[in-house]
């Protein structure tokens, strides 16, 4: 009697164990790990395919790609590899429908701007190269958003602007500017083209190549200027945060790291690390709404009118809603930093890419589809049904115990165990898989020639053109940037950095710029920048030229 009572109490405690959540994974979705980089610009959905590009620093055999996947099955249709790009590729993909113009005829294609200065036109059906054009490279090549203007593509370059005929890629217009640009998207208007730069200068370029400009302020213009009925809106990135200007007049002082703004009709949506913001420009541009939220990437419009904001934080996800009201964050199962906006299909499909290079595609709108809500309710009902069944069996077992029917009590007890095991089996399986994965040893980056006293400490390696510099014995550094600064100071290595939307980037060590620099931690590339990249007490950080 005592033994069975103990079993009964134990079984009642089992009721307090959280039951399986494995069934909450969306069955109408697929995902793929692109392995070799980030997804920094939004995937695009065109009919039955999803097209996405990778970004990052590239060394060894790794290089950026453009991929096409079947929208419904997740099978790869084609991929295109850039063999010469080594920097962060931040220029969004540009879809071009078939057409004709004064400079010729062209088929449907995807235009891609690369940090090696190339612009490539890819056949949308098989990813083959249709044509390629070259622009200048000054550390970076093309990083801003390109735009279409009738029969030409307008390309913002590192130090100017070029237009190329969609038929064949012949150069139609070239304009050289005195200031450098980065992520400096271009806007097409009736008067020509608007283009900003890293010195806070707004250039207006006519279709004949005539240039006029105005200085907006002491900061950087890192988005395509927004044309409104009240003038050009600029979200200027400054050393103390950011500032919103309309027609060269200051509208508002905002937080750090402004996102890529979005114009929807008379409304303009902006964001920083602190807030999402809406500006109404129907009469006079004025702040209409503001909500606390952290986002720095591409702001995107959903066809139903919702605005999406990438949540560039360790939790990741995408915020949906309108500034001035509550922003709801939508998460995938593979959450991490997100910079790229979502891509939408005509039938409610949703494509999401994160900074770990994972592409997730839902065949219907995962954020609001009623079928998902019904599925969630069904799963919740099943959960309660299982709990009720276990409770009922426990009552039955207790009854047979009172009646001293030990045989029936034992049978019911075994049945309870069976039901509980079936219910929690998915969670046991998931936990087992995670624990097995945790047992896998990282590749490491230890060199046996280093002093034994460095074992268990933090070690820094600089692979410079004139030789390798190594120093160890450090402790308590939490991120790569702080550790790099300390190790460089001890080795008397000068470090030059520049601040970008993606964080601080090293541009040179001891004056060596190379084609950029990247770091690894224990032999593995990081999916986040050096400021966010966390270290263990025995991490080996290695800097090498890209």
Protein backbone atom coordinates (compact mmCIF):
# COMPACT_ATOMS: atom_id res chain seq x y z
CA UNK A 1 0.00 0.00 0.00
CA UNK A 2 2.76 2.44 0.93
CA UNK A 3 4.73 1.75 -2.25
CA UNK A 4 1.70 2.35 -4.46
CA UNK A 5 0.88 5.56 -2.57
CA UNK A 6 4.40 6.80 -3.20
CA UNK A 7 3.98 5.95 -6.90
CA UNK A 8 0.68 7.81 -6.95
CA UNK A 9 2.24 10.92 -5.40
CA UNK A 10 5.07 10.72 -7.94
CA UNK A 11 2.59 10.47 -10.78
CA UNK A 12 0.70 13.49 -9.49
CA UNK A 13 3.98 15.43 -9.51
CA UNK A 14 4.40 14.36 -13.15
CA UNK A 15 1.31 16.40 -13.90
CA UNK A 16 3.33 19.50 -13.07
CA UNK A 17 5.92 18.70 -15.79
CA UNK A 18 5.40 21.02 -18.81
CA UNK A 19 4.01 18.89 -21.59
CA UNK A 20 5.38 18.72 -25.10
CA UNK A 21 5.69 21.92 -27.10
CA UNK A 22 7.21 20.17 -30.06
CA UNK A 23 3.88 20.23 -31.87
CA UNK A 24 3.89 24.03 -31.98
CA UNK A 25 6.40 24.03 -34.83
CA UNK A 26 4.77 25.24 -38.00
CA UNK A 27 4.07 22.38 -40.39
CA UNK A 28 3.51 24.77 -43.30
CA UNK A 29 7.08 26.08 -43.29
CA UNK A 30 10.62 25.13 -44.23
CA UNK A 31 14.04 26.54 -43.50
CA UNK A 32 17.56 26.22 -44.86
CA UNK A 33 20.93 27.20 -43.39
CA UNK A 34 22.95 29.00 -46.07
CA UNK A 35 26.08 28.20 -43.99
CA UNK A 36 28.48 30.77 -45.36
CA UNK A 37 27.28 34.18 -44.20
CA UNK A 38 24.53 36.49 -43.02
CA UNK A 39 21.25 37.46 -44.65
CA UNK A 40 21.41 41.25 -44.47
CA UNK A 41 18.86 42.21 -47.13
CA UNK A 42 15.33 40.96 -47.55
CA UNK A 43 14.53 37.81 -49.55
CA UNK A 44 12.22 38.42 -52.50
CA UNK A 45 9.37 36.13 -53.57
CA UNK A 46 8.60 35.99 -57.28
CA UNK A 47 5.84 33.60 -58.29
CA UNK A 48 7.01 30.15 -57.09
CA UNK A 49 10.54 30.97 -56.04
CA UNK A 50 12.32 32.70 -53.17
CA UNK A 51 15.54 34.54 -54.04
CA UNK A 52 18.01 35.53 -51.32
CA UNK A 53 21.62 36.68 -51.05
CA UNK A 54 24.31 36.13 -48.42
CA UNK A 55 26.59 38.77 -46.92
CA UNK A 56 29.69 38.92 -44.75
CA UNK A 57 33.49 39.03 -44.86
CA UNK A 58 34.88 36.29 -47.06
CA UNK A 59 38.16 34.40 -46.79
CA UNK A 60 39.45 31.03 -47.95
CA UNK A 61 37.00 29.25 -50.25
CA UNK A 62 33.88 31.00 -48.91
CA UNK A 63 32.21 33.56 -51.15
CA UNK A 64 28.81 35.28 -51.27
CA UNK A 65 25.98 33.71 -53.27
CA UNK A 66 22.56 34.46 -54.62
CA UNK A 67 20.19 31.49 -54.16
CA UNK A 68 16.82 30.58 -55.59
CA UNK A 69 14.56 28.08 -53.77
CA UNK A 70 11.22 26.58 -54.61
CA UNK A 71 8.66 28.56 -52.61
CA UNK A 72 6.66 25.54 -51.45
CA UNK A 73 9.16 22.67 -51.29
CA UNK A 74 12.35 24.46 -50.24
CA UNK A 75 14.43 22.70 -52.90
CA UNK A 76 17.22 24.71 -54.49
CA UNK A 77 16.55 25.87 -58.04
CA UNK A 78 19.88 27.57 -58.72
CA UNK A 79 22.68 29.59 -57.14
CA UNK A 80 25.15 32.18 -58.37
CA UNK A 81 28.56 32.68 -56.73
CA UNK A 82 30.56 35.92 -56.71
CA UNK A 83 34.19 34.87 -56.91
CA UNK A 84 35.74 38.28 -56.22
CA UNK A 85 33.56 39.95 -53.57
CA UNK A 86 35.16 39.93 -50.09
CA UNK A 87 33.23 42.56 -48.11
CA UNK A 88 29.73 42.97 -46.64
CA UNK A 89 27.23 42.87 -49.53
CA UNK A 90 24.42 45.16 -48.36
CA UNK A 91 22.79 46.20 -51.66
CA UNK A 92 19.22 44.80 -51.87
CA UNK A 93 18.30 42.48 -54.74
CA UNK A 94 16.39 44.23 -57.53
CA UNK A 95 13.76 42.37 -59.58
CA UNK A 96 13.33 43.55 -63.17
CA UNK A 97 10.38 42.47 -65.30
CA UNK A 98 10.80 41.88 -69.03
CA UNK A 99 10.47 45.05 -71.10
CA UNK A 100 11.83 47.33 -73.77
CA UNK A 101 13.05 50.90 -74.07
CA UNK A 102 15.16 53.26 -76.12
CA UNK A 103 18.35 51.29 -75.38
CA UNK A 104 16.93 47.84 -76.21
CA UNK A 105 14.90 44.85 -75.00
CA UNK A 106 15.45 42.63 -71.97
CA UNK A 107 14.04 39.53 -70.31
CA UNK A 108 13.00 39.17 -66.66
CA UNK A 109 16.06 39.19 -64.41
CA UNK A 110 17.55 39.84 -60.99
CA UNK A 111 20.06 42.67 -60.60
CA UNK A 112 22.73 42.34 -57.91
CA UNK A 113 25.19 44.98 -56.72
CA UNK A 114 28.42 43.65 -55.17
CA UNK A 115 31.13 45.10 -52.95
CA UNK A 116 33.70 44.23 -55.63
CA UNK A 117 32.07 47.00 -57.68
CA UNK A 118 30.26 44.69 -60.08
CA UNK A 119 26.61 44.86 -61.08
CA UNK A 120 25.37 41.52 -62.41
CA UNK A 121 22.14 40.69 -64.21
CA UNK A 122 21.01 37.11 -63.55
CA UNK A 123 18.45 35.15 -65.54
CA UNK A 124 15.56 34.56 -63.17
CA UNK A 125 14.86 31.05 -64.46
CA UNK A 126 18.30 29.47 -64.00
CA UNK A 127 20.60 32.08 -62.38
CA UNK A 128 22.89 32.30 -65.40
CA UNK A 129 24.81 35.53 -65.98
CA UNK A 130 23.07 37.76 -68.54
CA UNK A 131 25.50 40.67 -68.31
CA UNK A 132 27.98 42.25 -65.90
CA UNK A 133 29.20 45.84 -65.45
CA UNK A 134 32.05 47.20 -63.33
CA UNK A 135 32.07 50.27 -61.07
CA UNK A 136 34.83 51.68 -58.88
CA UNK A 137 36.03 50.11 -55.63
CA UNK A 138 37.43 52.15 -52.75
CA UNK A 139 37.57 49.50 -50.01
CA UNK A 140 33.86 48.97 -50.78
CA UNK A 141 32.05 48.76 -54.09
CA UNK A 142 28.25 48.89 -54.40
CA UNK A 143 26.49 48.81 -51.01
CA UNK A 144 23.38 50.97 -51.48
CA UNK A 145 19.96 50.28 -52.99
CA UNK A 146 19.83 50.54 -56.78
CA UNK A 147 16.74 51.85 -58.61
CA UNK A 148 15.08 51.51 -62.00
CA UNK A 149 14.53 54.48 -64.29
CA UNK A 150 12.71 53.44 -67.46
CA UNK A 151 15.22 51.33 -69.42
CA UNK A 152 18.26 51.84 -67.18
CA UNK A 153 19.33 50.75 -63.70
CA UNK A 154 20.68 53.58 -61.53
CA UNK A 155 23.61 52.43 -59.40
CA UNK A 156 24.93 54.42 -56.40
CA UNK A 157 28.65 53.71 -56.28
CA UNK A 158 31.36 54.33 -53.71
CA UNK A 159 32.22 57.71 -55.21
CA UNK A 160 29.55 58.56 -57.72
CA UNK A 161 26.65 57.27 -59.76
CA UNK A 162 26.36 55.14 -62.90
CA UNK A 163 23.43 54.08 -65.05
CA UNK A 164 23.43 50.96 -67.22
CA UNK A 165 21.10 49.89 -70.00
CA UNK A 166 18.96 46.93 -68.96
CA UNK A 167 19.66 45.38 -72.34
CA UNK A 168 23.31 44.35 -72.22
CA UNK A 169 24.56 46.52 -69.34
CA UNK A 170 26.12 49.28 -71.47
CA UNK A 171 27.12 52.39 -69.52
CA UNK A 172 24.69 55.26 -70.19
CA UNK A 173 25.73 57.86 -67.61
CA UNK A 174 28.67 58.27 -65.24
CA UNK A 175 28.93 61.00 -62.60
CA UNK A 176 31.92 61.31 -60.24
CA UNK A 177 31.47 62.84 -56.79
CA UNK A 178 34.04 64.10 -54.31
CA UNK A 179 32.69 62.34 -51.21
CA UNK A 180 32.50 58.64 -50.35
CA UNK A 181 29.21 56.80 -49.82
CA UNK A 182 28.22 53.65 -47.95
CA UNK A 183 24.79 52.01 -48.14
CA UNK A 184 23.91 55.21 -49.97
CA UNK A 185 20.76 54.19 -51.84
CA UNK A 186 19.55 56.27 -54.78
CA UNK A 187 16.09 57.77 -55.35
CA UNK A 188 14.66 58.38 -58.84
CA UNK A 189 12.54 61.51 -59.27
CA UNK A 190 11.26 63.82 -62.00
CA UNK A 191 14.30 66.08 -61.59
CA UNK A 192 16.76 63.17 -61.77
CA UNK A 193 18.46 61.29 -58.94
CA UNK A 194 18.96 61.98 -55.22
CA UNK A 195 22.03 60.51 -53.53
CA UNK A 196 23.64 61.08 -50.10
CA UNK A 197 27.09 60.33 -48.73
CA UNK A 198 29.24 59.91 -45.63
CA UNK A 199 29.78 63.69 -45.27
CA UNK A 200 26.08 64.49 -44.90
CA UNK A 201 25.84 65.96 -48.40
CA UNK A 202 22.70 65.47 -50.49
CA UNK A 203 23.43 65.41 -54.22
CA UNK A 204 20.85 66.08 -56.91
CA UNK A 205 21.95 64.70 -60.30
CA UNK A 206 20.07 65.39 -63.52
CA UNK A 207 19.67 62.74 -66.22
CA UNK A 208 22.24 64.70 -68.21
CA UNK A 209 24.77 64.43 -65.38
CA UNK A 210 24.53 67.96 -63.93
CA UNK A 211 25.20 68.06 -60.18
CA UNK A 212 23.89 70.30 -57.42
CA UNK A 213 24.25 69.63 -53.73
CA UNK A 214 23.44 70.80 -50.24
CA UNK A 215 24.93 69.96 -46.86
CA UNK A 216 22.30 68.49 -44.54
CA UNK A 217 24.44 68.38 -41.40
CA UNK A 218 27.40 66.88 -39.62
CA UNK A 219 26.65 63.21 -40.15
CA UNK A 220 26.16 60.39 -42.65
CA UNK A 221 23.34 59.74 -45.12
CA UNK A 222 23.03 55.96 -45.29
CA UNK A 223 19.71 55.46 -47.05
CA UNK A 224 17.96 56.46 -50.25
CA UNK A 225 16.65 60.02 -49.70
CA UNK A 226 12.86 60.14 -49.25
CA UNK A 227 10.97 62.48 -51.59
CA UNK A 228 7.86 64.06 -50.02
CA UNK A 229 5.51 66.87 -51.05
CA UNK A 230 7.26 69.02 -48.41
CA UNK A 231 10.80 68.33 -49.59
CA UNK A 232 13.46 65.65 -49.19
CA UNK A 233 13.42 63.75 -45.89
CA UNK A 234 16.80 62.61 -44.55
CA UNK A 235 17.50 60.53 -41.44
CA UNK A 236 21.06 61.65 -40.71
CA UNK A 237 23.32 59.39 -38.63
CA UNK A 238 25.41 61.49 -36.23
CA UNK A 239 28.04 60.86 -33.57
CA UNK A 240 25.47 61.49 -30.83
CA UNK A 241 22.51 59.62 -32.38
CA UNK A 242 20.53 60.74 -35.41
CA UNK A 243 18.50 63.66 -36.74
CA UNK A 244 15.50 63.82 -39.08
CA UNK A 245 15.54 66.65 -41.63
CA UNK A 246 12.86 67.72 -44.09
CA UNK A 247 13.83 70.19 -46.80
CA UNK A 248 17.08 70.78 -44.88
CA UNK A 249 15.23 71.82 -41.70
CA UNK A 250 15.59 69.82 -38.49
CA UNK A 251 12.37 67.99 -37.60
CA UNK A 252 13.48 65.76 -34.72
CA UNK A 253 16.51 64.51 -32.80
CA UNK A 254 16.47 60.72 -32.43
CA UNK A 255 18.51 57.75 -31.19
CA UNK A 256 21.48 55.84 -32.57
CA UNK A 257 21.83 53.64 -35.66
CA UNK A 258 18.92 54.74 -37.88
CA UNK A 259 17.20 52.06 -39.94
CA UNK A 260 16.46 52.20 -43.68
CA UNK A 261 13.32 54.40 -43.87
CA UNK A 262 10.18 53.45 -45.78
CA UNK A 263 7.69 55.73 -47.55
CA UNK A 264 4.09 54.56 -47.85
CA UNK A 265 1.86 57.14 -49.51
CA UNK A 266 2.07 60.33 -47.44
CA UNK A 267 3.58 58.46 -44.48
CA UNK A 268 7.27 57.86 -43.78
CA UNK A 269 8.34 55.18 -41.29
CA UNK A 270 11.71 55.46 -39.56
CA UNK A 271 13.46 53.72 -36.67
CA UNK A 272 16.51 53.67 -34.43
CA UNK A 273 17.90 51.51 -31.64
CA UNK A 274 15.37 53.22 -29.36
CA UNK A 275 12.13 53.83 -31.27
CA UNK A 276 10.02 53.17 -34.33
CA UNK A 277 8.64 56.45 -35.68
CA UNK A 278 6.00 57.54 -38.19
CA UNK A 279 6.00 60.93 -39.92
CA UNK A 280 2.90 62.31 -41.63
CA UNK A 281 3.87 64.41 -44.67
CA UNK A 282 0.41 65.01 -46.12
CA UNK A 283 0.43 68.73 -45.20
CA UNK A 284 3.54 69.53 -43.17
CA UNK A 285 5.80 66.67 -42.18
CA UNK A 286 5.27 66.03 -38.47
CA UNK A 287 5.85 63.17 -36.04
CA UNK A 288 2.62 61.18 -35.80
CA UNK A 289 3.57 58.12 -33.75
CA UNK A 290 6.43 56.72 -31.71
CA UNK A 291 6.90 53.40 -29.89
CA UNK A 292 9.87 52.03 -27.95
CA UNK A 293 11.49 49.30 -30.05
CA UNK A 294 15.01 48.28 -31.11
CA UNK A 295 15.55 47.99 -34.85
CA UNK A 296 18.31 48.98 -37.28
CA UNK A 297 17.62 47.17 -40.55
CA UNK A 298 15.16 47.29 -43.44
CA UNK A 299 11.64 48.54 -42.70
CA UNK A 300 9.15 46.71 -44.94
CA UNK A 301 5.46 47.09 -45.82
CA UNK A 302 3.22 44.02 -45.71
CA UNK A 303 0.54 44.01 -48.42
CA UNK A 304 -2.21 44.25 -45.77
CA UNK A 305 -0.74 47.54 -44.47
CA UNK A 306 1.25 46.27 -41.50
CA UNK A 307 4.80 47.57 -41.09
CA UNK A 308 7.61 45.14 -40.18
CA UNK A 309 10.76 46.13 -38.27
CA UNK A 310 13.71 43.69 -37.89
CA UNK A 311 14.55 43.24 -34.20
CA UNK A 312 18.32 43.60 -34.25
CA UNK A 313 18.93 42.10 -30.80
CA UNK A 314 20.07 38.68 -29.50
CA UNK A 315 16.42 37.58 -29.27
CA UNK A 316 15.82 38.51 -32.91
CA UNK A 317 12.47 38.38 -34.59
CA UNK A 318 10.48 41.00 -36.48
CA UNK A 319 8.26 43.64 -34.93
CA UNK A 320 4.89 44.26 -36.57
CA UNK A 321 2.51 47.14 -36.04
CA UNK A 322 2.37 50.91 -36.39
CA UNK A 323 4.39 53.48 -34.41
CA UNK A 324 2.27 54.96 -31.65
CA UNK A 325 0.70 51.59 -30.88
CA UNK A 326 1.99 48.31 -29.49
CA UNK A 327 4.61 46.52 -31.60
CA UNK A 328 4.27 42.73 -31.55
CA UNK A 329 7.40 40.68 -32.18
CA UNK A 330 7.11 37.62 -34.40
CA UNK A 331 9.75 34.94 -33.77
CA UNK A 332 10.86 31.92 -35.73
CA UNK A 333 12.28 28.84 -33.99
CA UNK A 334 15.78 29.95 -35.00
CA UNK A 335 15.87 33.40 -33.40
CA UNK A 336 18.94 35.64 -33.44
CA UNK A 337 19.93 39.10 -34.66
CA UNK A 338 17.92 40.25 -37.68
CA UNK A 339 18.79 43.01 -40.13
CA UNK A 340 16.89 41.96 -43.26
CA UNK A 341 13.26 42.81 -43.70
CA UNK A 342 10.75 40.07 -44.63
CA UNK A 343 9.74 39.17 -48.17
CA UNK A 344 6.06 38.68 -49.02
CA UNK A 345 4.33 36.60 -51.70
CA UNK A 346 1.07 37.38 -53.46
CA UNK A 347 -0.78 34.59 -51.61
CA UNK A 348 0.37 35.43 -48.09
CA UNK A 349 3.74 33.65 -48.22
CA UNK A 350 6.41 34.98 -45.88
CA UNK A 351 10.21 34.70 -46.24
CA UNK A 352 12.49 35.60 -43.33
CA UNK A 353 16.29 35.66 -43.16
CA UNK A 354 18.43 36.23 -40.05
CA UNK A 355 22.02 37.18 -39.31
CA UNK A 356 22.97 33.51 -38.90
CA UNK A 357 22.21 32.94 -42.58
CA UNK A 358 19.04 30.91 -41.94
CA UNK A 359 16.19 31.37 -44.41
CA UNK A 360 12.71 30.45 -43.12
CA UNK A 361 9.70 30.41 -45.44
CA UNK A 362 6.03 30.10 -44.49
CA UNK A 363 3.54 29.09 -47.15
CA UNK A 364 0.96 31.40 -45.56
CA UNK A 365 1.11 34.50 -43.40
CA UNK A 366 2.53 33.15 -40.16
CA UNK A 367 1.83 36.32 -38.21
CA UNK A 368 -1.95 36.50 -38.74
CA UNK A 369 -3.24 33.47 -40.64
CA UNK A 370 -6.38 32.18 -38.94
CA UNK A 371 -5.51 28.56 -39.68
CA UNK A 372 -2.44 28.90 -37.45
CA UNK A 373 -4.62 30.29 -34.67
CA UNK A 374 -7.02 27.36 -35.01
CA UNK A 375 -4.09 24.96 -35.01
CA UNK A 376 -2.76 26.53 -31.81
CA UNK A 377 -6.19 26.21 -30.18
CA UNK A 378 -6.39 22.55 -31.22
CA UNK A 379 -2.96 21.82 -29.75
CA UNK A 380 -3.93 23.59 -26.53
CA UNK A 381 -7.15 21.54 -26.34
CA UNK A 382 -5.17 18.32 -26.86
CA UNK A 383 -2.82 19.36 -24.07
CA UNK A 384 -5.71 19.86 -21.64
CA UNK A 385 -7.27 16.56 -22.77
CA UNK A 386 -4.07 14.65 -21.97
CA UNK A 387 -3.84 16.29 -18.56
CA UNK A 388 -7.48 15.49 -17.82
CA UNK A 389 -6.93 11.85 -18.87
CA UNK A 390 -3.93 11.48 -16.57
CA UNK A 391 -5.84 13.05 -13.68
CA UNK A 392 -8.79 10.73 -14.29
CA UNK A 393 -6.52 7.68 -14.31
CA UNK A 394 -4.88 8.83 -11.09
CA UNK A 395 -8.33 9.08 -9.45
CA UNK A 396 -9.15 5.58 -10.73
CA UNK A 397 -5.90 4.20 -9.36
CA UNK A 398 -6.56 5.84 -5.98
CA UNK A 399 -10.07 4.31 -5.98
CA UNK A 400 -8.74 0.80 -6.61
CA UNK A 401 -6.17 1.33 -3.89
CA UNK A 402 -8.95 2.13 -1.40
CA UNK A 403 -10.86 -0.94 -2.57
CA UNK A 404 -7.65 -2.95 -2.06
CA UNK A 405 -7.87 -4.16 -5.66
CA UNK A 406 -4.11 -4.21 -6.10
CA UNK A 407 -4.23 -5.87 -9.49
CA UNK A 408 -6.40 -3.17 -11.06
CA UNK A 409 -4.45 -0.42 -9.29
CA UNK A 410 -1.22 -1.73 -10.81
CA UNK A 411 -2.74 -1.92 -14.30
CA UNK A 412 -4.07 1.64 -14.07
CA UNK A 413 -0.69 2.82 -12.74
CA UNK A 414 1.10 1.30 -15.72
CA UNK A 415 -1.43 2.93 -18.03
CA UNK A 416 -0.74 6.30 -16.39
CA UNK A 417 2.99 5.85 -16.96
CA UNK A 418 2.34 4.99 -20.61
CA UNK A 419 0.19 8.10 -21.18
CA UNK A 420 2.71 10.36 -19.47
CA UNK A 421 5.61 8.95 -21.51
CA UNK A 422 3.71 9.37 -24.78
CA UNK A 423 2.81 12.95 -23.83
CA UNK A 424 6.30 14.10 -22.86
CA UNK A 425 8.23 12.00 -25.42
CA UNK A 426 8.73 14.89 -27.91
CA UNK A 427 10.27 17.09 -25.20
CA UNK A 428 12.54 14.25 -24.09
CA UNK A 429 13.63 13.77 -27.70
CA UNK A 430 14.32 17.50 -28.20
CA UNK A 431 16.25 17.76 -24.93
CA UNK A 432 18.28 14.66 -25.82
CA UNK A 433 19.18 16.11 -29.22
CA UNK A 434 20.28 19.41 -27.67
CA UNK A 435 22.43 17.65 -25.07
CA UNK A 436 24.07 15.47 -27.71
CA UNK A 437 24.76 18.58 -29.78
CA UNK A 438 26.32 20.27 -26.78
CA UNK A 439 28.79 17.39 -26.45
CA UNK A 440 30.32 18.19 -29.84
CA UNK A 441 33.70 19.78 -29.34
CA UNK A 442 34.35 23.10 -31.12
CA UNK A 443 37.16 23.05 -33.68
CA UNK A 444 39.41 25.22 -31.50
CA UNK A 445 42.37 27.32 -32.60
CA UNK A 446 45.10 26.43 -30.13
CA UNK A 447 48.70 26.25 -31.29
CA UNK A 448 50.93 23.78 -29.40
CA UNK A 449 53.90 26.12 -29.80
CA UNK A 450 52.28 28.70 -27.49
CA UNK A 451 53.31 28.86 -23.81
CA UNK A 452 51.53 26.42 -21.51
CA UNK A 453 50.62 29.26 -19.16
CA UNK A 454 48.29 30.60 -21.87
CA UNK A 455 46.14 27.48 -21.61
CA UNK A 456 42.73 28.40 -20.25
CA UNK A 457 43.24 32.10 -20.94
CA UNK A 458 42.17 34.42 -23.74
CA UNK A 459 44.60 34.59 -26.69
CA UNK A 460 44.74 37.12 -29.53
CA UNK A 461 46.32 36.53 -32.97
CA UNK A 462 46.93 39.23 -35.60
CA UNK A 463 47.83 37.80 -39.03
CA UNK A 464 49.63 40.83 -40.48
CA UNK A 465 51.35 40.89 -43.90
CA UNK A 466 54.77 41.20 -42.25
CA UNK A 467 54.22 38.37 -39.80
CA UNK A 468 51.93 36.93 -37.15
CA UNK A 469 51.65 38.59 -33.74
CA UNK A 470 50.28 36.58 -30.80
CA UNK A 471 49.63 37.47 -27.18
CA UNK A 472 47.88 35.49 -24.45
CA UNK A 473 47.22 35.30 -20.75
CA UNK A 474 44.18 37.59 -20.81
CA UNK A 475 40.99 37.11 -18.80
CA UNK A 476 37.55 38.61 -18.23
CA UNK A 477 37.07 40.20 -21.65
CA UNK A 478 33.45 39.73 -22.66
CA UNK A 479 33.50 40.77 -26.34
CA UNK A 480 35.90 40.77 -29.26
CA UNK A 481 36.13 44.55 -29.66
CA UNK A 482 37.32 45.25 -26.10
CA UNK A 483 39.75 42.32 -26.24
CA UNK A 484 41.11 43.48 -29.61
CA UNK A 485 41.76 47.00 -28.31
CA UNK A 486 43.58 45.69 -25.22
CA UNK A 487 45.68 43.12 -27.10
CA UNK A 488 46.56 45.62 -29.82
CA UNK A 489 47.69 48.14 -27.21
CA UNK A 490 49.97 45.57 -25.56
CA UNK A 491 51.48 44.56 -28.92
CA UNK A 492 51.68 48.22 -30.04
CA UNK A 493 49.41 47.48 -33.02
CA UNK A 494 47.45 50.49 -34.28
CA UNK A 495 43.77 49.81 -34.97
CA UNK A 496 41.63 51.94 -37.29
CA UNK A 497 37.84 51.55 -37.20
CA UNK A 498 34.79 52.95 -38.90
CA UNK A 499 31.23 52.94 -37.63
CA UNK A 500 28.51 51.45 -39.84
CA UNK A 501 24.90 50.33 -39.41
CA UNK A 502 26.18 46.80 -38.80
CA UNK A 503 28.46 48.06 -36.01
CA UNK A 504 32.11 49.11 -35.72
CA UNK A 505 34.37 47.52 -38.33
CA UNK A 506 38.17 47.33 -38.34
CA UNK A 507 39.54 48.99 -41.47
CA UNK A 508 43.26 48.46 -40.81
CA UNK A 509 45.88 47.09 -38.44
CA UNK A 510 49.20 48.98 -38.46
CA UNK A 511 47.96 50.77 -41.57
CA UNK A 512 47.30 47.55 -43.50
CA UNK A 513 43.83 47.83 -45.04
CA UNK A 514 43.94 44.76 -47.34
CA UNK A 515 40.40 44.05 -48.62
CA UNK A 516 39.02 44.31 -45.11
CA UNK A 517 39.56 42.28 -41.94
CA UNK A 518 37.59 39.49 -40.29
CA UNK A 519 37.88 37.57 -37.04
CA UNK A 520 37.25 34.04 -35.83
CA UNK A 521 36.62 32.78 -32.31
CA UNK A 522 38.15 29.36 -31.61
CA UNK A 523 38.42 28.76 -35.34
CA UNK A 524 34.79 29.63 -36.13
CA UNK A 525 33.41 32.71 -37.82
CA UNK A 526 31.01 34.77 -35.75
CA UNK A 527 27.46 35.52 -36.89
CA UNK A 528 27.57 38.93 -35.15
CA UNK A 529 29.97 41.88 -35.17
CA UNK A 530 32.93 42.31 -32.88
CA UNK A 531 30.99 44.43 -30.37
CA UNK A 532 28.37 41.73 -29.81
CA UNK A 533 30.61 38.66 -30.27
CA UNK A 534 30.93 37.07 -26.81
CA UNK A 535 34.05 35.36 -25.46
CA UNK A 536 34.71 32.50 -23.08
CA UNK A 537 37.58 32.56 -20.60
CA UNK A 538 39.71 30.41 -22.94
CA UNK A 539 38.73 31.89 -26.32
CA UNK A 540 41.27 32.32 -29.11
CA UNK A 541 40.49 35.31 -31.34
CA UNK A 542 42.23 35.46 -34.70
CA UNK A 543 42.20 38.49 -37.02
CA UNK A 544 43.11 37.88 -40.67
CA UNK A 545 42.79 39.86 -43.91
CA UNK A 546 39.65 39.21 -45.96
